[in-house]
Amino acid sequence: MTITIDLPDELAARLAELLPEEERNRFAVNAIAEALEAHRRDSAECVAAVKEALADMKAGRNLIPFEGVCRQWEADKAARRTSGSA
């Protein structure tokens, strides 16, 4: 499959400076694959967290404010990125 994207001029210039033309396709494919995997992983983790929270709520456990959940979610994502697993 061939996909054409319009890059902003600055980004296109950086890409041209960084990689020879023959390496750009492989670089783009790898970058897209990594981004899709990170999105899938984040989505799966979100679903698992919601299921766990619903089970806890039904059992009367671990009831914390939504804002606390958001802070913990962001902290966990940042920790994964720092550790290189994101």
C-alpha atoms as a PDB file:
ATOM      1  CA  MET A   1       0.000   0.000   0.000  1.00  0.00           C
ATOM      2  CA  THR A   2       1.222   3.486  -0.760  1.00  0.00           C
ATOM      3  CA  ILE A   3       0.262   6.420   1.423  1.00  0.00           C
ATOM      4  CA  THR A   4       1.196  10.019   0.693  1.00  0.00           C
ATOM      5  CA  ILE A   5       1.402  12.560   3.491  1.00  0.00           C
ATOM      6  CA  ASP A   6       2.043  16.288   3.420  1.00  0.00           C
ATOM      7  CA  LEU A   7       4.817  17.189   5.828  1.00  0.00           C
ATOM      8  CA  PRO A   8       5.313  20.713   7.117  1.00  0.00           C
ATOM      9  CA  ASP A   9       8.312  22.291   5.389  1.00  0.00           C
ATOM     10  CA  GLU A  10      10.433  22.312   8.550  1.00  0.00           C
ATOM     11  CA  LEU A  11       9.776  18.632   9.242  1.00  0.00           C
ATOM     12  CA  ALA A  12      10.491  17.682   5.615  1.00  0.00           C
ATOM     13  CA  ALA A  13      13.783  19.598   5.763  1.00  0.00           C
ATOM     14  CA  ARG A  14      14.794  17.854   8.992  1.00  0.00           C
ATOM     15  CA  LEU A  15      13.952  14.462   7.505  1.00  0.00           C
ATOM     16  CA  ALA A  16      15.928  15.206   4.336  1.00  0.00           C
ATOM     17  CA  GLU A  17      18.890  16.372   6.421  1.00  0.00           C
ATOM     18  CA  LEU A  18      18.787  13.376   8.731  1.00  0.00           C
ATOM     19  CA  LEU A  19      18.217  10.491   6.323  1.00  0.00           C
ATOM     20  CA  PRO A  20      19.218   9.673   2.770  1.00  0.00           C
ATOM     21  CA  GLU A  21      16.209   9.298   0.475  1.00  0.00           C
ATOM     22  CA  GLU A  22      16.572   5.507   0.244  1.00  0.00           C
ATOM     23  CA  GLU A  23      16.239   5.151   4.066  1.00  0.00           C
ATOM     24  CA  ARG A  24      13.197   7.400   4.551  1.00  0.00           C
ATOM     25  CA  ASN A  25      10.569   4.805   3.659  1.00  0.00           C
ATOM     26  CA  ARG A  26      11.882   2.248   6.174  1.00  0.00           C
ATOM     27  CA  PHE A  27      12.205   4.992   8.804  1.00  0.00           C
ATOM     28  CA  ALA A  28       8.592   6.117   8.257  1.00  0.00           C
ATOM     29  CA  VAL A  29       7.251   2.552   8.355  1.00  0.00           C
ATOM     30  CA  ASN A  30       9.107   1.850  11.615  1.00  0.00           C
ATOM     31  CA  ALA A  31       7.939   5.125  13.170  1.00  0.00           C
ATOM     32  CA  ILE A  32       4.316   4.427  12.254  1.00  0.00           C
ATOM     33  CA  ALA A  33       4.541   0.836  13.522  1.00  0.00           C
ATOM     34  CA  GLU A  34       5.973   2.011  16.851  1.00  0.00           C
ATOM     35  CA  ALA A  35       3.295   4.691  17.217  1.00  0.00           C
ATOM     36  CA  LEU A  36       0.510   2.223  16.461  1.00  0.00           C
ATOM     37  CA  GLU A  37       1.897  -0.272  18.970  1.00  0.00           C
ATOM     38  CA  ALA A  38       2.125   2.431  21.652  1.00  0.00           C
ATOM     39  CA  HIS A  39      -1.473   3.442  20.911  1.00  0.00           C
ATOM     40  CA  ARG A  40      -2.641  -0.192  21.103  1.00  0.00           C
ATOM     41  CA  ARG A  41      -0.765  -0.722  24.354  1.00  0.00           C
ATOM     42  CA  ASP A  42      -2.170   2.475  25.909  1.00  0.00           C
ATOM     43  CA  SER A  43      -5.695   1.507  24.828  1.00  0.00           C
ATOM     44  CA  ALA A  44      -5.369  -2.019  26.222  1.00  0.00           C
ATOM     45  CA  GLU A  45      -3.998  -0.679  29.507  1.00  0.00           C
ATOM     46  CA  CYS A  46      -6.838   1.819  29.720  1.00  0.00           C
ATOM     47  CA  VAL A  47      -9.471  -0.876  29.192  1.00  0.00           C
ATOM     48  CA  ALA A  48      -7.800  -3.109  31.786  1.00  0.00           C
ATOM     49  CA  ALA A  49      -7.660  -0.237  34.283  1.00  0.00           C
ATOM     50  CA  VAL A  50     -11.331   0.574  33.778  1.00  0.00           C
ATOM     51  CA  LYS A  51     -12.337  -3.089  34.205  1.00  0.00           C
ATOM     52  CA  GLU A  52     -10.269  -3.339  37.369  1.00  0.00           C
ATOM     53  CA  ALA A  53     -11.735  -0.111  38.719  1.00  0.00           C
ATOM     54  CA  LEU A  54     -15.274  -1.270  38.003  1.00  0.00           C
ATOM     55  CA  ALA A  55     -14.628  -4.534  39.834  1.00  0.00           C
ATOM     56  CA  ASP A  56     -13.139  -2.593  42.766  1.00  0.00           C
ATOM     57  CA  MET A  57     -16.099  -0.217  42.788  1.00  0.00           C
ATOM     58  CA  LYS A  58     -18.599  -3.085  42.810  1.00  0.00           C
ATOM     59  CA  ALA A  59     -16.678  -4.635  45.721  1.00  0.00           C
ATOM     60  CA  GLY A  60     -16.476  -1.298  47.569  1.00  0.00           C
ATOM     61  CA  ARG A  61     -12.671  -1.109  47.319  1.00  0.00           C
ATOM     62  CA  ASN A  62     -10.199   1.556  46.264  1.00  0.00           C
ATOM     63  CA  LEU A  63     -12.619   4.370  45.638  1.00  0.00           C
ATOM     64  CA  ILE A  64     -10.496   7.393  44.709  1.00  0.00           C
ATOM     65  CA  PRO A  65     -11.440  10.643  42.948  1.00  0.00           C
ATOM     66  CA  PHE A  66     -11.266  10.735  39.150  1.00  0.00           C
ATOM     67  CA  GLU A  67      -8.571  13.424  39.322  1.00  0.00           C
ATOM     68  CA  GLY A  68      -6.375  11.031  41.285  1.00  0.00           C
ATOM     69  CA  VAL A  69      -6.830   8.372  38.633  1.00  0.00           C
ATOM     70  CA  CYS A  70      -5.846  10.867  35.921  1.00  0.00           C
ATOM     71  CA  ARG A  71      -2.712  11.918  37.816  1.00  0.00           C
ATOM     72  CA  GLN A  72      -1.669   8.299  38.334  1.00  0.00           C
ATOM     73  CA  TRP A  73      -2.362   7.419  34.678  1.00  0.00           C
ATOM     74  CA  GLU A  74      -0.159  10.285  33.468  1.00  0.00           C
ATOM     75  CA  ALA A  75       2.584   9.416  35.965  1.00  0.00           C
ATOM     76  CA  ASP A  76       2.550   5.781  34.823  1.00  0.00           C
ATOM     77  CA  LYS A  77       2.753   6.800  31.145  1.00  0.00           C
ATOM     78  CA  ALA A  78       5.658   9.159  31.866  1.00  0.00           C
ATOM     79  CA  ALA A  79       7.470   6.419  33.787  1.00  0.00           C
ATOM     80  CA  ARG A  80       7.058   3.993  30.866  1.00  0.00           C
ATOM     81  CA  ARG A  81       8.435   6.575  28.426  1.00  0.00           C
ATOM     82  CA  THR A  82      11.401   7.273  30.693  1.00  0.00           C
ATOM     83  CA  SER A  83      12.147   3.579  31.045  1.00  0.00           C
ATOM     84  CA  GLY A  84      11.976   3.123  27.275  1.00  0.00           C
ATOM     85  CA  SER A  85       8.996   0.758  27.308  1.00  0.00           C
ATOM     86  CA  ALA A  86       6.530   3.201  25.757  1.00  0.00           C
END
